Amino acid sequence: MKSFQNSRLILLLQSGSLVFLSVLLGILLMKSLWFCSLFTFFVILLFILHIDKQQQKLTEMVMRLITAIRFSDFSLSFRPGSKKQADPRLTQAMEQALKQFREKMYTLEEQHLYYNTLLSTIDSGTAPSNGIIKPCFGNSA
């Protein structure tokens, strides 16, 4: 939860800085301070490029996750703390989701393998025609 508040605070500070710099740029242009105006414009441009780069990283991570889900490739991992991450909370959440899904798929594969092994050991002549096997205790007359 603390990470969420930190990310939110950083986003608010970036937005506030952009607003402040934009107002400052307008004031500097009105006062005909061209060099300061140009410098302020470049700082605003750097802020915009930084935010765009963060969005591109976020979009890339989500697209990788969607592609992995589409092709059932869950060997993918998102390492929290890498330089390419956009948001540490999102990275951690995606990593946990993939881990849970891998465990669920592993459990389902084990069950499927167990039932296939069980069905292959049962003689096909004793299996009912409707495919449903019911336990039979004693004589069913």
Protein backbone atom coordinates (compact mmCIF):
# COMPACT_ATOMS: atom_id res chain seq x y z
CA MET A 1 0.00 0.00 0.00
CA LYS A 2 2.90 2.32 0.73
CA SER A 3 4.27 1.75 -2.77
CA PHE A 4 0.90 2.79 -4.22
CA GLN A 5 0.97 6.04 -2.24
CA ASN A 6 4.56 6.74 -3.32
CA SER A 7 3.68 6.17 -6.99
CA ARG A 8 0.65 8.40 -6.65
CA LEU A 9 2.71 11.12 -4.98
CA ILE A 10 5.32 10.95 -7.74
CA LEU A 11 2.61 11.22 -10.40
CA LEU A 12 1.05 14.22 -8.64
CA LEU A 13 4.46 15.91 -8.33
CA GLN A 14 5.17 15.35 -12.04
CA SER A 15 1.77 16.74 -13.01
CA GLY A 16 2.15 19.71 -10.68
CA SER A 17 5.62 20.41 -12.04
CA LEU A 18 4.30 20.38 -15.60
CA VAL A 19 1.54 22.83 -14.69
CA PHE A 20 3.97 25.09 -12.81
CA LEU A 21 6.49 25.06 -15.65
CA SER A 22 3.78 25.78 -18.22
CA VAL A 23 2.58 28.81 -16.26
CA LEU A 24 6.19 29.92 -15.79
CA LEU A 25 6.78 29.57 -19.53
CA GLY A 26 3.79 31.81 -20.24
CA ILE A 27 5.00 34.44 -17.79
CA LEU A 28 8.54 34.36 -19.20
CA LEU A 29 7.23 34.73 -22.75
CA MET A 30 5.11 37.72 -21.70
CA LYS A 31 8.18 39.37 -20.12
CA SER A 32 10.23 38.64 -23.29
CA LEU A 33 12.83 36.56 -21.46
CA TRP A 34 13.64 34.37 -24.44
CA PHE A 35 16.55 32.35 -23.08
CA CYS A 36 14.70 31.47 -19.87
CA SER A 37 11.60 30.66 -21.92
CA LEU A 38 13.59 28.34 -24.16
CA PHE A 39 15.20 26.61 -21.17
CA THR A 40 11.78 26.17 -19.49
CA PHE A 41 10.36 24.78 -22.74
CA PHE A 42 13.14 22.17 -22.88
CA VAL A 43 12.52 21.15 -19.26
CA ILE A 44 8.82 20.70 -20.06
CA LEU A 45 9.78 18.66 -23.12
CA LEU A 46 12.02 16.43 -20.98
CA PHE A 47 9.16 15.85 -18.51
CA ILE A 48 6.84 14.89 -21.36
CA LEU A 49 9.41 12.50 -22.85
CA HIS A 50 9.98 10.89 -19.44
CA ILE A 51 6.25 10.31 -18.92
CA ASP A 52 5.95 8.94 -22.48
CA LYS A 53 8.82 6.52 -21.84
CA GLN A 54 7.12 5.28 -18.66
CA GLN A 55 3.88 4.70 -20.59
CA GLN A 56 5.72 2.81 -23.32
CA LYS A 57 7.33 0.52 -20.73
CA LEU A 58 3.96 -0.09 -19.11
CA THR A 59 2.33 -0.86 -22.45
CA GLU A 60 5.18 -3.21 -23.39
CA MET A 61 4.83 -5.15 -20.12
CA VAL A 62 1.07 -5.52 -20.52
CA MET A 63 1.45 -6.61 -24.15
CA ARG A 64 4.01 -9.24 -23.11
CA LEU A 65 1.57 -10.54 -20.51
CA ILE A 66 -1.31 -10.63 -23.00
CA THR A 67 0.84 -12.47 -25.55
CA ALA A 68 1.92 -14.98 -22.92
CA ILE A 69 -1.71 -15.60 -21.95
CA ARG A 70 -2.76 -15.89 -25.59
CA PHE A 71 -0.15 -18.56 -26.35
CA SER A 72 -0.25 -20.20 -22.89
CA ASP A 73 3.43 -19.44 -22.35
CA PHE A 74 3.85 -18.93 -18.64
CA SER A 75 7.61 -19.13 -18.53
CA LEU A 76 7.53 -15.34 -18.69
CA SER A 77 8.63 -13.45 -15.60
CA PHE A 78 8.67 -9.82 -14.57
CA ARG A 79 11.59 -8.99 -12.34
CA PRO A 80 10.86 -6.24 -9.87
CA GLY A 81 13.76 -3.86 -9.66
CA SER A 82 14.90 -4.03 -13.27
CA LYS A 83 15.54 -0.81 -15.16
CA LYS A 84 12.87 -1.61 -17.73
CA GLN A 85 10.01 -1.68 -15.24
CA ALA A 86 7.41 1.06 -15.39
CA ASP A 87 5.65 0.62 -12.07
CA PRO A 88 6.93 -1.65 -9.28
CA ARG A 89 3.38 -2.40 -8.06
CA LEU A 90 2.27 -3.53 -11.49
CA THR A 91 5.41 -5.61 -11.95
CA GLN A 92 4.87 -7.36 -8.64
CA ALA A 93 1.16 -7.94 -9.31
CA MET A 94 1.87 -9.39 -12.76
CA GLU A 95 4.57 -11.66 -11.34
CA GLN A 96 2.21 -12.94 -8.62
CA ALA A 97 -0.60 -13.51 -11.12
CA LEU A 98 1.70 -15.53 -13.37
CA LYS A 99 2.97 -17.55 -10.41
CA GLN A 100 -0.57 -18.40 -9.27
CA PHE A 101 -1.60 -19.31 -12.80
CA ARG A 102 1.46 -21.56 -13.22
CA GLU A 103 0.61 -23.36 -9.97
CA LYS A 104 -3.03 -23.77 -11.02
CA MET A 105 -2.04 -25.11 -14.45
CA TYR A 106 0.48 -27.49 -12.84
CA THR A 107 -2.23 -28.84 -10.51
CA LEU A 108 -4.65 -29.28 -13.41
CA GLU A 109 -1.99 -31.05 -15.48
CA GLU A 110 -1.27 -33.42 -12.59
CA GLN A 111 -4.97 -34.25 -12.25
CA HIS A 112 -5.33 -34.71 -15.98
CA LEU A 113 -2.30 -37.01 -16.09
CA TYR A 114 -3.62 -39.00 -13.10
CA TYR A 115 -7.05 -39.49 -14.67
CA ASN A 116 -5.56 -40.41 -18.04
CA THR A 117 -3.32 -42.98 -16.33
CA LEU A 118 -6.30 -44.31 -14.40
CA LEU A 119 -8.46 -44.57 -17.50
CA SER A 120 -5.72 -46.27 -19.49
CA THR A 121 -5.42 -49.00 -16.86
CA ILE A 122 -9.15 -49.75 -16.89
CA ASP A 123 -10.14 -52.32 -19.49
CA SER A 124 -12.21 -50.68 -22.19
CA GLY A 125 -14.55 -53.67 -22.19
CA THR A 126 -15.62 -52.97 -18.61
CA ALA A 127 -16.23 -49.27 -19.15
CA PRO A 128 -19.87 -48.31 -19.74
CA SER A 129 -20.87 -47.01 -23.15
CA ASN A 130 -21.86 -43.57 -21.87
CA GLY A 131 -18.34 -42.93 -20.57
CA ILE A 132 -19.34 -42.42 -16.93
CA ILE A 133 -17.67 -44.78 -14.50
CA LYS A 134 -19.61 -45.42 -11.30
CA PRO A 135 -18.18 -47.35 -8.39
CA CYS A 136 -19.94 -50.65 -7.87
CA PHE A 137 -19.84 -52.27 -4.42
CA GLY A 138 -21.15 -55.78 -4.13
CA ASN A 139 -23.69 -57.28 -6.46
CA SER A 140 -25.94 -54.93 -8.30
CA ALA A 141 -28.83 -57.15 -9.26
